[in-house]
Amino acid sequence: MSQATLTQEAAATTPTTAAIDSLLAELDSSNAKLVYLYLATVEEASIDDLQTALEIQQLTLFPTLRTLEDEDLIERNGETITVAA
């Protein structure tokens, strides 16, 4: 697969700035906003990545992830967490 094809596919699945702004306005929790924005920026992360980068403890992170997952904003695939397509 060519680099151009990969770039086009990434652009097609990456939320736009307007879409991200709209979603952030709807989220009540500052932690949910932070986690979602981080995932939208890095595209995928593990629990450890999120804890380290955002300095959020597991007791706070897990309910935040559950909320984002319940709202179909993120997806978990094994240990990898991504923004929902």
PDB file of N, CA and C in Angstrom:
ATOM      1  N   MET A   1       0.851  -1.173   0.000  1.00  0.00           N
ATOM      2  CA  MET A   1       0.000   0.000   0.000  1.00  0.00           C
ATOM      3  C   MET A   1       0.896   1.236   0.000  1.00  0.00           C
ATOM      4  N   SER A   2       0.588   2.194  -0.812  1.00  0.00           N
ATOM      5  CA  SER A   2       1.430   3.380  -0.942  1.00  0.00           C
ATOM      6  C   SER A   2       1.221   4.342   0.225  1.00  0.00           C
ATOM      7  N   GLN A   3       2.178   5.230   0.419  1.00  0.00           N
ATOM      8  CA  GLN A   3       2.087   6.242   1.472  1.00  0.00           C
ATOM      9  C   GLN A   3       0.884   7.146   1.239  1.00  0.00           C
ATOM     10  N   ALA A   4       0.599   7.489  -0.012  1.00  0.00           N
ATOM     11  CA  ALA A   4      -0.548   8.346  -0.329  1.00  0.00           C
ATOM     12  C   ALA A   4      -1.852   7.674   0.069  1.00  0.00           C
ATOM     13  N   THR A   5      -1.959   6.373  -0.190  1.00  0.00           N
ATOM     14  CA  THR A   5      -3.162   5.633   0.183  1.00  0.00           C
ATOM     15  C   THR A   5      -3.322   5.604   1.693  1.00  0.00           C
ATOM     16  N   LEU A   6      -2.232   5.351   2.412  1.00  0.00           N
ATOM     17  CA  LEU A   6      -2.282   5.337   3.872  1.00  0.00           C
ATOM     18  C   LEU A   6      -2.686   6.700   4.418  1.00  0.00           C
ATOM     19  N   THR A   7      -2.159   7.756   3.851  1.00  0.00           N
ATOM     20  CA  THR A   7      -2.492   9.110   4.282  1.00  0.00           C
ATOM     21  C   THR A   7      -3.960   9.410   4.030  1.00  0.00           C
ATOM     22  N   GLN A   8      -4.484   9.003   2.881  1.00  0.00           N
ATOM     23  CA  GLN A   8      -5.899   9.217   2.562  1.00  0.00           C
ATOM     24  C   GLN A   8      -6.788   8.438   3.516  1.00  0.00           C
ATOM     25  N   GLU A   9      -6.423   7.198   3.824  1.00  0.00           N
ATOM     26  CA  GLU A   9      -7.212   6.395   4.751  1.00  0.00           C
ATOM     27  C   GLU A   9      -7.196   7.002   6.144  1.00  0.00           C
ATOM     28  N   ALA A  10      -6.057   7.480   6.589  1.00  0.00           N
ATOM     29  CA  ALA A  10      -5.962   8.116   7.905  1.00  0.00           C
ATOM     30  C   ALA A  10      -6.812   9.376   7.952  1.00  0.00           C
ATOM     31  N   ALA A  11      -6.776  10.165   6.894  1.00  0.00           N
ATOM     32  CA  ALA A  11      -7.572  11.391   6.838  1.00  0.00           C
ATOM     33  C   ALA A  11      -9.061  11.082   6.855  1.00  0.00           C
ATOM     34  N   ALA A  12      -9.453   9.988   6.235  1.00  0.00           N
ATOM     35  CA  ALA A  12     -10.866   9.614   6.180  1.00  0.00           C
ATOM     36  C   ALA A  12     -11.384   9.158   7.535  1.00  0.00           C
ATOM     37  N   THR A  13     -10.517   8.626   8.390  1.00  0.00           N
ATOM     38  CA  THR A  13     -10.957   8.121   9.686  1.00  0.00           C
ATOM     39  C   THR A  13     -10.618   9.049  10.842  1.00  0.00           C
ATOM     40  N   THR A  14      -9.846  10.102  10.612  1.00  0.00           N
ATOM     41  CA  THR A  14      -9.480  11.042  11.657  1.00  0.00           C
ATOM     42  C   THR A  14     -10.544  12.127  11.748  1.00  0.00           C
ATOM     43  N   PRO A  15     -11.074  12.369  12.967  1.00  0.00           N
ATOM     44  CA  PRO A  15     -12.103  13.402  13.106  1.00  0.00           C
ATOM     45  C   PRO A  15     -11.561  14.778  12.734  1.00  0.00           C
ATOM     46  N   THR A  16     -12.417  15.603  12.149  1.00  0.00           N
ATOM     47  CA  THR A  16     -12.025  16.961  11.792  1.00  0.00           C
ATOM     48  C   THR A  16     -12.014  17.833  13.042  1.00  0.00           C
ATOM     49  N   THR A  17     -11.395  18.978  12.943  1.00  0.00           N
ATOM     50  CA  THR A  17     -11.348  19.902  14.073  1.00  0.00           C
ATOM     51  C   THR A  17     -12.749  20.316  14.486  1.00  0.00           C
ATOM     52  N   ALA A  18     -13.613  20.586  13.530  1.00  0.00           N
ATOM     53  CA  ALA A  18     -14.991  20.985  13.839  1.00  0.00           C
ATOM     54  C   ALA A  18     -15.732  19.862  14.555  1.00  0.00           C
ATOM     55  N   ALA A  19     -15.522  18.624  14.110  1.00  0.00           N
ATOM     56  CA  ALA A  19     -16.177  17.483  14.752  1.00  0.00           C
ATOM     57  C   ALA A  19     -15.671  17.307  16.175  1.00  0.00           C
ATOM     58  N   ILE A  20     -14.375  17.464  16.366  1.00  0.00           N
ATOM     59  CA  ILE A  20     -13.801  17.339  17.708  1.00  0.00           C
ATOM     60  C   ILE A  20     -14.330  18.445  18.613  1.00  0.00           C
ATOM     61  N   ASP A  21     -14.369  19.670  18.132  1.00  0.00           N
ATOM     62  CA  ASP A  21     -14.894  20.788  18.918  1.00  0.00           C
ATOM     63  C   ASP A  21     -16.334  20.530  19.341  1.00  0.00           C
ATOM     64  N   SER A  22     -17.131  20.001  18.431  1.00  0.00           N
ATOM     65  CA  SER A  22     -18.529  19.698  18.722  1.00  0.00           C
ATOM     66  C   SER A  22     -18.650  18.626  19.805  1.00  0.00           C
ATOM     67  N   LEU A  23     -17.857  17.570  19.681  1.00  0.00           N
ATOM     68  CA  LEU A  23     -17.882  16.500  20.678  1.00  0.00           C
ATOM     69  C   LEU A  23     -17.403  16.990  22.036  1.00  0.00           C
ATOM     70  N   LEU A  24     -16.353  17.775  22.051  1.00  0.00           N
ATOM     71  CA  LEU A  24     -15.832  18.290  23.318  1.00  0.00           C
ATOM     72  C   LEU A  24     -16.863  19.155  24.025  1.00  0.00           C
ATOM     73  N   ALA A  25     -17.637  19.907  23.279  1.00  0.00           N
ATOM     74  CA  ALA A  25     -18.673  20.747  23.872  1.00  0.00           C
ATOM     75  C   ALA A  25     -19.760  19.906  24.537  1.00  0.00           C
ATOM     76  N   GLU A  26     -19.983  18.700  24.033  1.00  0.00           N
ATOM     77  CA  GLU A  26     -21.021  17.828  24.571  1.00  0.00           C
ATOM     78  C   GLU A  26     -20.569  17.036  25.792  1.00  0.00           C
ATOM     79  N   LEU A  27     -19.271  16.853  25.963  1.00  0.00           N
ATOM     80  CA  LEU A  27     -18.763  16.076  27.087  1.00  0.00           C
ATOM     81  C   LEU A  27     -18.746  16.923  28.353  1.00  0.00           C
ATOM     82  N   ASP A  28     -19.254  16.351  29.457  1.00  0.00           N
ATOM     83  CA  ASP A  28     -19.327  17.081  30.720  1.00  0.00           C
ATOM     84  C   ASP A  28     -18.027  17.025  31.511  1.00  0.00           C
ATOM     85  N   SER A  29     -17.351  15.913  31.442  1.00  0.00           N
ATOM     86  CA  SER A  29     -16.159  15.679  32.251  1.00  0.00           C
ATOM     87  C   SER A  29     -14.905  16.238  31.589  1.00  0.00           C
ATOM     88  N   SER A  30     -14.122  16.963  32.369  1.00  0.00           N
ATOM     89  CA  SER A  30     -12.858  17.473  31.826  1.00  0.00           C
ATOM     90  C   SER A  30     -11.905  16.323  31.512  1.00  0.00           C
ATOM     91  N   ASN A  31     -11.966  15.240  32.296  1.00  0.00           N
ATOM     92  CA  ASN A  31     -11.128  14.070  32.003  1.00  0.00           C
ATOM     93  C   ASN A  31     -11.547  13.411  30.694  1.00  0.00           C
ATOM     94  N   ALA A  32     -12.844  13.336  30.442  1.00  0.00           N
ATOM     95  CA  ALA A  32     -13.325  12.745  29.190  1.00  0.00           C
ATOM     96  C   ALA A  32     -12.855  13.578  28.004  1.00  0.00           C
ATOM     97  N   LYS A  33     -12.917  14.890  28.143  1.00  0.00           N
ATOM     98  CA  LYS A  33     -12.434  15.776  27.078  1.00  0.00           C
ATOM     99  C   LYS A  33     -10.946  15.568  26.841  1.00  0.00           C
ATOM    100  N   LEU A  34     -10.181  15.484  27.921  1.00  0.00           N
ATOM    101  CA  LEU A  34      -8.736  15.314  27.823  1.00  0.00           C
ATOM    102  C   LEU A  34      -8.372  13.991  27.160  1.00  0.00           C
ATOM    103  N   VAL A  35      -9.018  12.909  27.590  1.00  0.00           N
ATOM    104  CA  VAL A  35      -8.736  11.585  27.026  1.00  0.00           C
ATOM    105  C   VAL A  35      -9.118  11.548  25.553  1.00  0.00           C
ATOM    106  N   TYR A  36     -10.300  12.055  25.219  1.00  0.00           N
ATOM    107  CA  TYR A  36     -10.739  12.032  23.824  1.00  0.00           C
ATOM    108  C   TYR A  36      -9.797  12.851  22.941  1.00  0.00           C
ATOM    109  N   LEU A  37      -9.439  14.036  23.375  1.00  0.00           N
ATOM    110  CA  LEU A  37      -8.552  14.892  22.591  1.00  0.00           C
ATOM    111  C   LEU A  37      -7.184  14.236  22.410  1.00  0.00           C
ATOM    112  N   TYR A  38      -6.680  13.605  23.455  1.00  0.00           N
ATOM    113  CA  TYR A  38      -5.395  12.908  23.351  1.00  0.00           C
ATOM    114  C   TYR A  38      -5.484  11.778  22.326  1.00  0.00           C
ATOM    115  N   LEU A  39      -6.542  10.971  22.416  1.00  0.00           N
ATOM    116  CA  LEU A  39      -6.695   9.859  21.474  1.00  0.00           C
ATOM    117  C   LEU A  39      -6.881  10.355  20.042  1.00  0.00           C
ATOM    118  N   ALA A  40      -7.592  11.447  19.876  1.00  0.00           N
ATOM    119  CA  ALA A  40      -7.769  12.003  18.528  1.00  0.00           C
ATOM    120  C   ALA A  40      -6.441  12.490  17.962  1.00  0.00           C
ATOM    121  N   THR A  41      -5.543  12.884  18.835  1.00  0.00           N
ATOM    122  CA  THR A  41      -4.238  13.384  18.409  1.00  0.00           C
ATOM    123  C   THR A  41      -3.266  12.261  18.082  1.00  0.00           C
ATOM    124  N   VAL A  42      -3.204  11.242  18.954  1.00  0.00           N
ATOM    125  CA  VAL A  42      -2.210  10.170  18.768  1.00  0.00           C
ATOM    126  C   VAL A  42      -2.757   8.992  17.970  1.00  0.00           C
ATOM    127  N   GLU A  43      -4.060   8.938  17.772  1.00  0.00           N
ATOM    128  CA  GLU A  43      -4.775   7.910  17.012  1.00  0.00           C
ATOM    129  C   GLU A  43      -4.999   6.613  17.777  1.00  0.00           C
ATOM    130  N   GLU A  44      -4.028   6.148  18.584  1.00  0.00           N
ATOM    131  CA  GLU A  44      -4.260   4.966  19.410  1.00  0.00           C
ATOM    132  C   GLU A  44      -3.332   5.007  20.610  1.00  0.00           C
ATOM    133  N   ALA A  45      -3.788   4.382  21.704  1.00  0.00           N
ATOM    134  CA  ALA A  45      -2.993   4.362  22.926  1.00  0.00           C
ATOM    135  C   ALA A  45      -3.430   3.189  23.786  1.00  0.00           C
ATOM    136  N   SER A  46      -2.565   2.800  24.697  1.00  0.00           N
ATOM    137  CA  SER A  46      -2.898   1.781  25.688  1.00  0.00           C
ATOM    138  C   SER A  46      -3.282   2.493  26.989  1.00  0.00           C
ATOM    139  N   ILE A  47      -3.774   1.731  27.948  1.00  0.00           N
ATOM    140  CA  ILE A  47      -4.088   2.285  29.266  1.00  0.00           C
ATOM    141  C   ILE A  47      -2.832   2.930  29.856  1.00  0.00           C
ATOM    142  N   ASP A  48      -1.718   2.209  29.774  1.00  0.00           N
ATOM    143  CA  ASP A  48      -0.454   2.738  30.310  1.00  0.00           C
ATOM    144  C   ASP A  48      -0.056   4.038  29.621  1.00  0.00           C
ATOM    145  N   ASP A  49      -0.230   4.091  28.297  1.00  0.00           N
ATOM    146  CA  ASP A  49       0.079   5.320  27.553  1.00  0.00           C
ATOM    147  C   ASP A  49      -0.752   6.489  28.075  1.00  0.00           C
ATOM    148  N   LEU A  50      -2.048   6.245  28.255  1.00  0.00           N
ATOM    149  CA  LEU A  50      -2.944   7.299  28.729  1.00  0.00           C
ATOM    150  C   LEU A  50      -2.569   7.750  30.135  1.00  0.00           C
ATOM    151  N   GLN A  51      -2.320   6.788  31.019  1.00  0.00           N
ATOM    152  CA  GLN A  51      -1.950   7.128  32.393  1.00  0.00           C
ATOM    153  C   GLN A  51      -0.684   7.974  32.435  1.00  0.00           C
ATOM    154  N   THR A  52       0.306   7.571  31.674  1.00  0.00           N
ATOM    155  CA  THR A  52       1.588   8.274  31.677  1.00  0.00           C
ATOM    156  C   THR A  52       1.472   9.656  31.046  1.00  0.00           C
ATOM    157  N   ALA A  53       0.894   9.719  29.873  1.00  0.00           N
ATOM    158  CA  ALA A  53       0.823  10.984  29.137  1.00  0.00           C
ATOM    159  C   ALA A  53      -0.081  12.007  29.815  1.00  0.00           C
ATOM    160  N   LEU A  54      -1.200  11.532  30.369  1.00  0.00           N
ATOM    161  CA  LEU A  54      -2.191  12.450  30.927  1.00  0.00           C
ATOM    162  C   LEU A  54      -2.123  12.569  32.443  1.00  0.00           C
ATOM    163  N   GLU A  55      -1.277  11.736  33.059  1.00  0.00           N
ATOM    164  CA  GLU A  55      -1.128  11.722  34.517  1.00  0.00           C
ATOM    165  C   GLU A  55      -2.477  11.537  35.212  1.00  0.00           C
ATOM    166  N   ILE A  56      -3.217  10.536  34.741  1.00  0.00           N
ATOM    167  CA  ILE A  56      -4.516  10.193  35.316  1.00  0.00           C
ATOM    168  C   ILE A  56      -4.403   8.810  35.948  1.00  0.00           C
ATOM    169  N   GLN A  57      -4.880   8.662  37.177  1.00  0.00           N
ATOM    170  CA  GLN A  57      -4.845   7.373  37.862  1.00  0.00           C
ATOM    171  C   GLN A  57      -5.904   6.444  37.289  1.00  0.00           C
ATOM    172  N   GLN A  58      -5.671   5.132  37.440  1.00  0.00           N
ATOM    173  CA  GLN A  58      -6.610   4.139  36.915  1.00  0.00           C
ATOM    174  C   GLN A  58      -8.009   4.318  37.479  1.00  0.00           C
ATOM    175  N   LEU A  59      -8.116   4.670  38.758  1.00  0.00           N
ATOM    176  CA  LEU A  59      -9.433   4.839  39.374  1.00  0.00           C
ATOM    177  C   LEU A  59     -10.248   5.934  38.696  1.00  0.00           C
ATOM    178  N   THR A  60      -9.595   6.878  38.102  1.00  0.00           N
ATOM    179  CA  THR A  60     -10.266   7.939  37.349  1.00  0.00           C
ATOM    180  C   THR A  60     -10.382   7.575  35.876  1.00  0.00           C
ATOM    181  N   LEU A  61      -9.345   6.952  35.351  1.00  0.00           N
ATOM    182  CA  LEU A  61      -9.289   6.664  33.919  1.00  0.00           C
ATOM    183  C   LEU A  61     -10.333   5.645  33.476  1.00  0.00           C
ATOM    184  N   PHE A  62     -10.504   4.548  34.224  1.00  0.00           N
ATOM    185  CA  PHE A  62     -11.424   3.495  33.788  1.00  0.00           C
ATOM    186  C   PHE A  62     -12.870   3.968  33.651  1.00  0.00           C
ATOM    187  N   PRO A  63     -13.423   4.694  34.629  1.00  0.00           N
ATOM    188  CA  PRO A  63     -14.792   5.199  34.424  1.00  0.00           C
ATOM    189  C   PRO A  63     -14.891   6.191  33.258  1.00  0.00           C
ATOM    190  N   THR A  64     -13.839   6.967  33.057  1.00  0.00           N
ATOM    191  CA  THR A  64     -13.815   7.909  31.938  1.00  0.00           C
ATOM    192  C   THR A  64     -13.858   7.159  30.616  1.00  0.00           C
ATOM    193  N   LEU A  65     -13.040   6.116  30.503  1.00  0.00           N
ATOM    194  CA  LEU A  65     -13.038   5.302  29.281  1.00  0.00           C
ATOM    195  C   LEU A  65     -14.386   4.619  29.077  1.00  0.00           C
ATOM    196  N   ARG A  66     -14.977   4.137  30.150  1.00  0.00           N
ATOM    197  CA  ARG A  66     -16.279   3.477  30.055  1.00  0.00           C
ATOM    198  C   ARG A  66     -17.332   4.451  29.534  1.00  0.00           C
ATOM    199  N   THR A  67     -17.314   5.675  30.029  1.00  0.00           N
ATOM    200  CA  THR A  67     -18.259   6.695  29.564  1.00  0.00           C
ATOM    201  C   THR A  67     -18.069   6.977  28.080  1.00  0.00           C
ATOM    202  N   LEU A  68     -16.824   7.177  27.663  1.00  0.00           N
ATOM    203  CA  LEU A  68     -16.547   7.446  26.250  1.00  0.00           C
ATOM    204  C   LEU A  68     -16.935   6.261  25.371  1.00  0.00           C
ATOM    205  N   GLU A  69     -16.716   5.059  25.890  1.00  0.00           N
ATOM    206  CA  GLU A  69     -17.082   3.856  25.133  1.00  0.00           C
ATOM    207  C   GLU A  69     -18.600   3.711  25.048  1.00  0.00           C
ATOM    208  N   ASP A  70     -19.303   3.981  26.149  1.00  0.00           N
ATOM    209  CA  ASP A  70     -20.773   3.909  26.154  1.00  0.00           C
ATOM    210  C   ASP A  70     -21.390   4.913  25.182  1.00  0.00           C
ATOM    211  N   GLU A  71     -20.715   6.033  24.985  1.00  0.00           N
ATOM    212  CA  GLU A  71     -21.202   7.056  24.058  1.00  0.00           C
ATOM    213  C   GLU A  71     -20.681   6.828  22.637  1.00  0.00           C
ATOM    214  N   ASP A  72     -20.054   5.664  22.421  1.00  0.00           N
ATOM    215  CA  ASP A  72     -19.512   5.274  21.104  1.00  0.00           C
ATOM    216  C   ASP A  72     -18.502   6.276  20.552  1.00  0.00           C
ATOM    217  N   LEU A  73     -17.726   6.884  21.440  1.00  0.00           N
ATOM    218  CA  LEU A  73     -16.709   7.839  21.016  1.00  0.00           C
ATOM    219  C   LEU A  73     -15.334   7.200  20.900  1.00  0.00           C
ATOM    220  N   ILE A  74     -15.131   6.105  21.628  1.00  0.00           N
ATOM    221  CA  ILE A  74     -13.869   5.370  21.536  1.00  0.00           C
ATOM    222  C   ILE A  74     -14.169   3.892  21.368  1.00  0.00           C
ATOM    223  N   GLU A  75     -13.145   3.167  20.916  1.00  0.00           N
ATOM    224  CA  GLU A  75     -13.250   1.713  20.761  1.00  0.00           C
ATOM    225  C   GLU A  75     -12.037   1.067  21.405  1.00  0.00           C
ATOM    226  N   ARG A  76     -12.268  -0.083  22.022  1.00  0.00           N
ATOM    227  CA  ARG A  76     -11.167  -0.869  22.573  1.00  0.00           C
ATOM    228  C   ARG A  76     -10.994  -2.110  21.729  1.00  0.00           C
ATOM    229  N   ASN A  77      -9.760  -2.383  21.377  1.00  0.00           N
ATOM    230  CA  ASN A  77      -9.422  -3.593  20.639  1.00  0.00           C
ATOM    231  C   ASN A  77      -8.240  -4.215  21.369  1.00  0.00           C
ATOM    232  N   GLY A  78      -8.546  -5.151  22.255  1.00  0.00           N
ATOM    233  CA  GLY A  78      -7.496  -5.698  23.106  1.00  0.00           C
ATOM    234  C   GLY A  78      -7.016  -4.613  24.047  1.00  0.00           C
ATOM    235  N   GLU A  79      -5.735  -4.317  23.999  1.00  0.00           N
ATOM    236  CA  GLU A  79      -5.173  -3.289  24.871  1.00  0.00           C
ATOM    237  C   GLU A  79      -5.071  -1.933  24.185  1.00  0.00           C
ATOM    238  N   THR A  80      -5.525  -1.858  22.944  1.00  0.00           N
ATOM    239  CA  THR A  80      -5.432  -0.617  22.182  1.00  0.00           C
ATOM    240  C   THR A  80      -6.766   0.125  22.224  1.00  0.00           C
ATOM    241  N   ILE A  81      -6.687   1.419  22.474  1.00  0.00           N
ATOM    242  CA  ILE A  81      -7.870   2.275  22.516  1.00  0.00           C
ATOM    243  C   ILE A  81      -7.730   3.305  21.401  1.00  0.00           C
ATOM    244  N   THR A  82      -8.802   3.477  20.631  1.00  0.00           N
ATOM    245  CA  THR A  82      -8.793   4.432  19.524  1.00  0.00           C
ATOM    246  C   THR A  82     -10.081   5.245  19.533  1.00  0.00           C
ATOM    247  N   VAL A  83     -10.071   6.349  18.813  1.00  0.00           N
ATOM    248  CA  VAL A  83     -11.293   7.118  18.595  1.00  0.00           C
ATOM    249  C   VAL A  83     -12.167   6.304  17.651  1.00  0.00           C
ATOM    250  N   ALA A  84     -13.460   6.225  17.959  1.00  0.00           N
ATOM    251  CA  ALA A  84     -14.388   5.469  17.113  1.00  0.00           C
ATOM    252  C   ALA A  84     -14.473   6.102  15.735  1.00  0.00           C
ATOM    253  N   ALA A  85     -14.550   5.249  14.742  1.00  0.00           N
ATOM    254  CA  ALA A  85     -14.617   5.724  13.346  1.00  0.00           C
ATOM    255  C   ALA A  85     -15.987   6.264  13.020  1.00  0.00           C
TER     256      ALA A  85
END
